[in-house]
N, C-alpha and C. Protein backbone atom coordinates (compact mmCIF):
# COMPACT_ATOMS: atom_id res chain seq x y z
N MET A 1 0.84 -1.18 0.00
CA MET A 1 0.00 0.00 0.00
C MET A 1 0.89 1.24 0.00
N ASN A 2 0.56 2.18 -0.84
CA ASN A 2 1.31 3.42 -0.97
C ASN A 2 0.61 4.51 -0.17
N PRO A 3 1.28 5.05 0.86
CA PRO A 3 0.63 6.07 1.69
C PRO A 3 0.31 7.36 0.92
N ASP A 4 1.10 7.68 -0.10
CA ASP A 4 0.81 8.87 -0.90
C ASP A 4 -0.50 8.70 -1.67
N VAL A 5 -0.71 7.50 -2.19
CA VAL A 5 -1.96 7.21 -2.90
C VAL A 5 -3.14 7.29 -1.93
N GLN A 6 -2.96 6.72 -0.74
CA GLN A 6 -4.03 6.76 0.25
C GLN A 6 -4.35 8.20 0.67
N THR A 7 -3.32 9.02 0.81
CA THR A 7 -3.54 10.43 1.16
C THR A 7 -4.30 11.13 0.04
N GLY A 8 -3.90 10.89 -1.20
CA GLY A 8 -4.60 11.49 -2.34
C GLY A 8 -6.04 11.05 -2.41
N LEU A 9 -6.28 9.76 -2.20
CA LEU A 9 -7.65 9.24 -2.20
C LEU A 9 -8.46 9.85 -1.05
N GLY A 10 -7.80 10.07 0.06
CA GLY A 10 -8.48 10.70 1.20
C GLY A 10 -8.92 12.11 0.88
N VAL A 11 -8.05 12.86 0.23
CA VAL A 11 -8.39 14.23 -0.15
C VAL A 11 -9.54 14.24 -1.16
N ILE A 12 -9.47 13.37 -2.14
CA ILE A 12 -10.54 13.29 -3.15
C ILE A 12 -11.86 12.86 -2.50
N SER A 13 -11.79 11.87 -1.64
CA SER A 13 -13.01 11.40 -0.96
C SER A 13 -13.62 12.52 -0.13
N TYR A 14 -12.78 13.25 0.59
CA TYR A 14 -13.27 14.35 1.41
C TYR A 14 -13.94 15.41 0.53
N ALA A 15 -13.30 15.75 -0.57
CA ALA A 15 -13.84 16.77 -1.47
C ALA A 15 -15.18 16.35 -2.06
N ASN A 16 -15.40 15.05 -2.18
CA ASN A 16 -16.66 14.54 -2.72
C ASN A 16 -17.69 14.23 -1.63
N GLY A 17 -17.38 14.62 -0.41
CA GLY A 17 -18.34 14.41 0.68
C GLY A 17 -18.37 13.00 1.21
N GLN A 18 -17.40 12.18 0.86
CA GLN A 18 -17.33 10.80 1.33
C GLN A 18 -16.41 10.77 2.56
N TYR A 19 -16.92 11.28 3.66
CA TYR A 19 -16.09 11.52 4.84
C TYR A 19 -15.61 10.24 5.51
N ASP A 20 -16.45 9.22 5.56
CA ASP A 20 -16.01 7.96 6.16
C ASP A 20 -14.89 7.32 5.34
N ARG A 21 -15.04 7.38 4.02
CA ARG A 21 -13.99 6.83 3.15
C ARG A 21 -12.69 7.64 3.30
N ALA A 22 -12.82 8.97 3.39
CA ALA A 22 -11.63 9.80 3.57
C ALA A 22 -10.92 9.44 4.87
N LYS A 23 -11.68 9.26 5.92
CA LYS A 23 -11.10 8.88 7.21
C LYS A 23 -10.34 7.56 7.09
N ASP A 24 -10.95 6.58 6.41
CA ASP A 24 -10.30 5.29 6.23
C ASP A 24 -8.99 5.42 5.46
N CYS A 25 -8.99 6.25 4.42
CA CYS A 25 -7.78 6.44 3.62
C CYS A 25 -6.67 7.08 4.44
N PHE A 26 -7.02 8.12 5.20
CA PHE A 26 -6.01 8.79 6.02
C PHE A 26 -5.47 7.86 7.10
N GLU A 27 -6.34 7.05 7.68
CA GLU A 27 -5.87 6.10 8.69
C GLU A 27 -4.95 5.05 8.07
N ALA A 28 -5.25 4.63 6.86
CA ALA A 28 -4.39 3.66 6.18
C ALA A 28 -3.01 4.27 5.93
N ALA A 29 -2.98 5.53 5.48
CA ALA A 29 -1.70 6.20 5.24
C ALA A 29 -0.92 6.33 6.54
N LEU A 30 -1.62 6.65 7.62
CA LEU A 30 -0.95 6.78 8.92
C LEU A 30 -0.39 5.46 9.43
N SER A 31 -1.02 4.37 9.06
CA SER A 31 -0.52 3.08 9.52
C SER A 31 0.86 2.77 8.95
N VAL A 32 1.16 3.35 7.77
CA VAL A 32 2.46 3.15 7.13
C VAL A 32 3.45 4.23 7.55
N ARG A 33 2.96 5.46 7.66
CA ARG A 33 3.83 6.59 8.02
C ARG A 33 3.25 7.33 9.23
N PRO A 34 3.38 6.74 10.41
CA PRO A 34 2.77 7.35 11.59
C PRO A 34 3.41 8.68 12.00
N GLU A 35 4.56 8.99 11.47
CA GLU A 35 5.22 10.24 11.83
C GLU A 35 5.06 11.33 10.77
N ASP A 36 4.19 11.14 9.82
CA ASP A 36 4.00 12.09 8.72
C ASP A 36 3.30 13.34 9.23
N PHE A 37 4.00 14.47 9.22
CA PHE A 37 3.44 15.71 9.78
C PHE A 37 2.29 16.25 8.96
N ILE A 38 2.16 15.84 7.72
CA ILE A 38 1.02 16.30 6.93
C ILE A 38 -0.25 15.60 7.41
N LEU A 39 -0.12 14.35 7.78
CA LEU A 39 -1.27 13.60 8.27
C LEU A 39 -1.54 13.90 9.75
N TRP A 40 -0.51 13.96 10.53
CA TRP A 40 -0.62 14.35 11.93
C TRP A 40 -0.18 15.81 11.99
N LEU A 41 -0.81 16.58 12.80
CA LEU A 41 -0.46 18.00 12.88
C LEU A 41 0.51 18.29 14.01
N GLN A 42 1.05 17.24 14.61
CA GLN A 42 1.90 17.43 15.78
C GLN A 42 3.22 18.14 15.47
N ARG A 43 3.71 18.02 14.27
CA ARG A 43 4.98 18.68 13.94
C ARG A 43 4.77 20.15 13.63
N ARG A 44 3.53 20.52 13.39
CA ARG A 44 3.19 21.93 13.15
C ARG A 44 1.99 22.27 14.02
N PRO A 45 2.16 22.18 15.33
CA PRO A 45 1.01 22.30 16.23
C PRO A 45 0.39 23.70 16.26
N THR A 46 1.06 24.68 15.72
CA THR A 46 0.50 26.03 15.76
C THR A 46 -0.10 26.44 14.42
N TYR A 47 -0.31 25.50 13.53
CA TYR A 47 -0.92 25.80 12.23
C TYR A 47 -2.44 25.82 12.43
N THR A 48 -2.93 26.99 12.80
CA THR A 48 -4.32 27.17 13.20
C THR A 48 -5.29 26.73 12.12
N ARG A 49 -5.00 27.06 10.88
CA ARG A 49 -5.92 26.72 9.80
C ARG A 49 -6.10 25.21 9.67
N ALA A 50 -5.03 24.45 9.86
CA ALA A 50 -5.13 23.00 9.78
C ALA A 50 -6.00 22.45 10.91
N ILE A 51 -5.82 22.98 12.11
CA ILE A 51 -6.63 22.55 13.25
C ILE A 51 -8.11 22.86 12.98
N TYR A 52 -8.36 24.04 12.44
CA TYR A 52 -9.73 24.42 12.07
C TYR A 52 -10.29 23.44 11.03
N ASN A 53 -9.50 23.09 10.02
CA ASN A 53 -9.97 22.17 8.98
C ASN A 53 -10.30 20.79 9.54
N VAL A 54 -9.52 20.33 10.51
CA VAL A 54 -9.82 19.05 11.15
C VAL A 54 -11.17 19.17 11.87
N GLY A 55 -11.40 20.31 12.52
CA GLY A 55 -12.68 20.54 13.17
C GLY A 55 -13.83 20.51 12.19
N VAL A 56 -13.66 21.12 11.05
CA VAL A 56 -14.70 21.12 10.01
C VAL A 56 -14.95 19.69 9.52
N ALA A 57 -13.89 18.92 9.34
CA ALA A 57 -14.05 17.53 8.92
C ALA A 57 -14.85 16.75 9.97
N CYS A 58 -14.54 16.97 11.24
CA CYS A 58 -15.29 16.30 12.31
C CYS A 58 -16.75 16.73 12.29
N LEU A 59 -16.98 18.01 12.10
CA LEU A 59 -18.35 18.53 12.02
C LEU A 59 -19.12 17.87 10.88
N ASN A 60 -18.46 17.70 9.75
CA ASN A 60 -19.11 17.11 8.57
C ASN A 60 -19.50 15.65 8.76
N ILE A 61 -18.80 14.94 9.62
CA ILE A 61 -19.16 13.53 9.85
C ILE A 61 -19.99 13.36 11.12
N GLY A 62 -20.39 14.48 11.73
CA GLY A 62 -21.25 14.42 12.90
C GLY A 62 -20.54 14.22 14.22
N ALA A 63 -19.23 14.36 14.22
CA ALA A 63 -18.45 14.23 15.46
C ALA A 63 -18.35 15.62 16.11
N HIS A 64 -19.47 16.06 16.67
CA HIS A 64 -19.58 17.43 17.17
C HIS A 64 -18.66 17.73 18.36
N LYS A 65 -18.56 16.79 19.28
CA LYS A 65 -17.69 17.00 20.43
C LYS A 65 -16.24 17.20 19.98
N GLU A 66 -15.79 16.34 19.08
CA GLU A 66 -14.42 16.44 18.58
C GLU A 66 -14.22 17.73 17.78
N ALA A 67 -15.22 18.10 17.01
CA ALA A 67 -15.15 19.35 16.26
C ALA A 67 -14.97 20.52 17.21
N THR A 68 -15.76 20.53 18.27
CA THR A 68 -15.67 21.61 19.26
C THR A 68 -14.28 21.67 19.87
N GLU A 69 -13.72 20.52 20.20
CA GLU A 69 -12.37 20.49 20.78
C GLU A 69 -11.34 21.09 19.83
N HIS A 70 -11.45 20.79 18.54
CA HIS A 70 -10.50 21.34 17.56
C HIS A 70 -10.69 22.85 17.40
N PHE A 71 -11.94 23.30 17.36
CA PHE A 71 -12.18 24.73 17.22
C PHE A 71 -11.66 25.49 18.44
N LEU A 72 -11.88 24.94 19.61
CA LEU A 72 -11.37 25.59 20.82
C LEU A 72 -9.84 25.62 20.84
N SER A 73 -9.21 24.53 20.40
CA SER A 73 -7.75 24.50 20.32
C SER A 73 -7.24 25.56 19.34
N ALA A 74 -7.91 25.67 18.19
CA ALA A 74 -7.50 26.67 17.20
C ALA A 74 -7.67 28.08 17.75
N LEU A 75 -8.74 28.31 18.51
CA LEU A 75 -8.94 29.64 19.10
C LEU A 75 -7.85 29.97 20.11
N VAL A 76 -7.46 29.00 20.90
CA VAL A 76 -6.38 29.22 21.87
C VAL A 76 -5.08 29.55 21.14
N MET A 77 -4.78 28.79 20.07
CA MET A 77 -3.56 29.05 19.30
C MET A 77 -3.62 30.42 18.64
N GLN A 78 -4.77 30.74 18.09
CA GLN A 78 -4.94 32.03 17.43
C GLN A 78 -4.75 33.16 18.43
N ASP A 79 -5.31 32.99 19.61
CA ASP A 79 -5.22 34.03 20.63
C ASP A 79 -3.79 34.24 21.12
N SER A 80 -3.01 33.16 21.15
CA SER A 80 -1.64 33.28 21.66
C SER A 80 -0.64 33.71 20.60
N SER A 81 -1.09 33.78 19.35
CA SER A 81 -0.17 34.17 18.28
C SER A 81 -0.28 35.66 17.99
N ALA A 82 0.73 36.16 17.34
CA ALA A 82 0.73 37.57 16.96
C ALA A 82 0.08 37.78 15.60
N GLY A 83 -0.37 36.71 14.98
CA GLY A 83 -0.96 36.79 13.65
C GLY A 83 -2.36 37.34 13.65
N PRO A 84 -2.95 37.40 12.47
CA PRO A 84 -4.31 37.93 12.34
C PRO A 84 -5.34 37.02 13.03
N LYS A 85 -6.42 37.61 13.46
CA LYS A 85 -7.49 36.88 14.13
C LYS A 85 -8.64 36.67 13.16
N SER A 86 -9.28 35.53 13.27
CA SER A 86 -10.36 35.19 12.35
C SER A 86 -11.66 35.04 13.12
N GLU A 87 -12.67 35.77 12.71
CA GLU A 87 -14.01 35.63 13.29
C GLU A 87 -14.65 34.32 12.84
N GLN A 88 -14.15 33.75 11.75
CA GLN A 88 -14.71 32.51 11.22
C GLN A 88 -14.64 31.37 12.23
N LEU A 89 -13.58 31.31 13.01
CA LEU A 89 -13.48 30.28 14.05
C LEU A 89 -14.64 30.38 15.03
N TRP A 90 -14.90 31.60 15.49
CA TRP A 90 -16.00 31.80 16.44
C TRP A 90 -17.34 31.45 15.80
N SER A 91 -17.52 31.86 14.57
CA SER A 91 -18.77 31.60 13.86
C SER A 91 -19.01 30.10 13.71
N THR A 92 -17.98 29.37 13.35
CA THR A 92 -18.12 27.93 13.17
C THR A 92 -18.35 27.24 14.51
N LEU A 93 -17.69 27.71 15.54
CA LEU A 93 -17.92 27.15 16.88
C LEU A 93 -19.37 27.38 17.31
N ARG A 94 -19.89 28.58 17.07
CA ARG A 94 -21.30 28.86 17.40
C ARG A 94 -22.23 27.92 16.63
N ARG A 95 -21.96 27.74 15.34
CA ARG A 95 -22.77 26.86 14.52
C ARG A 95 -22.73 25.42 15.05
N THR A 96 -21.57 24.99 15.51
CA THR A 96 -21.43 23.65 16.07
C THR A 96 -22.26 23.51 17.34
N PHE A 97 -22.20 24.51 18.20
CA PHE A 97 -23.01 24.47 19.42
C PHE A 97 -24.50 24.44 19.09
N GLN A 98 -24.91 25.20 18.08
CA GLN A 98 -26.31 25.19 17.67
C GLN A 98 -26.71 23.80 17.18
N THR A 99 -25.84 23.16 16.42
CA THR A 99 -26.10 21.81 15.93
C THR A 99 -26.26 20.83 17.09
N MET A 100 -25.54 21.10 18.17
CA MET A 100 -25.60 20.24 19.36
C MET A 100 -26.77 20.60 20.27
N ASN A 101 -27.62 21.53 19.81
CA ASN A 101 -28.74 22.03 20.62
C ASN A 101 -28.25 22.66 21.93
N ARG A 102 -27.14 23.37 21.84
CA ARG A 102 -26.58 24.07 23.00
C ARG A 102 -26.53 25.57 22.70
N SER A 103 -27.70 26.16 22.55
CA SER A 103 -27.77 27.59 22.26
C SER A 103 -27.18 28.42 23.40
N ASP A 104 -27.20 27.87 24.62
CA ASP A 104 -26.58 28.58 25.75
C ASP A 104 -25.08 28.78 25.52
N LEU A 105 -24.43 27.75 25.01
CA LEU A 105 -23.00 27.86 24.71
C LEU A 105 -22.75 28.70 23.47
N ALA A 106 -23.65 28.58 22.48
CA ALA A 106 -23.51 29.37 21.26
C ALA A 106 -23.54 30.86 21.58
N GLU A 107 -24.41 31.27 22.50
CA GLU A 107 -24.51 32.67 22.87
C GLU A 107 -23.23 33.18 23.53
N MET A 108 -22.54 32.29 24.24
CA MET A 108 -21.32 32.69 24.95
C MET A 108 -20.10 32.67 24.03
N ALA A 109 -20.17 32.04 22.88
CA ALA A 109 -19.02 31.88 21.98
C ALA A 109 -18.86 33.11 21.11
N THR A 110 -18.26 34.12 21.69
CA THR A 110 -17.99 35.38 20.97
C THR A 110 -16.56 35.78 21.20
N SER A 111 -16.03 36.53 20.26
CA SER A 111 -14.64 36.97 20.37
C SER A 111 -14.47 38.09 21.37
N GLY A 112 -15.54 38.75 21.70
CA GLY A 112 -15.44 39.87 22.64
C GLY A 112 -14.96 41.13 22.00
N SER A 113 -14.78 41.13 20.67
CA SER A 113 -14.30 42.35 20.00
C SER A 113 -15.43 43.07 19.33
């Protein structure tokens, strides 16, 4: 099995809305290259956009709790960096809370700016 092929298939599957298949492809690639920083974000832990994208992927497959964890992690990273701030993170987090029927949390999820 070629991990590059599996990664490519994962990206294509994700783009076509086949999230379970994409997950399987990425897991297969990781089984061969468990240290691949493109598949794992541990080598670039402050890449906020990647963390956000993982959250969106979780949201798309209905893994709301995991999506929330990724969005919150991205917000913490964004807040601690000197880079630009994105309201999109807050907006997506609010949408996730709404999906979870937690309007109380959605109301509290604001940037404060």
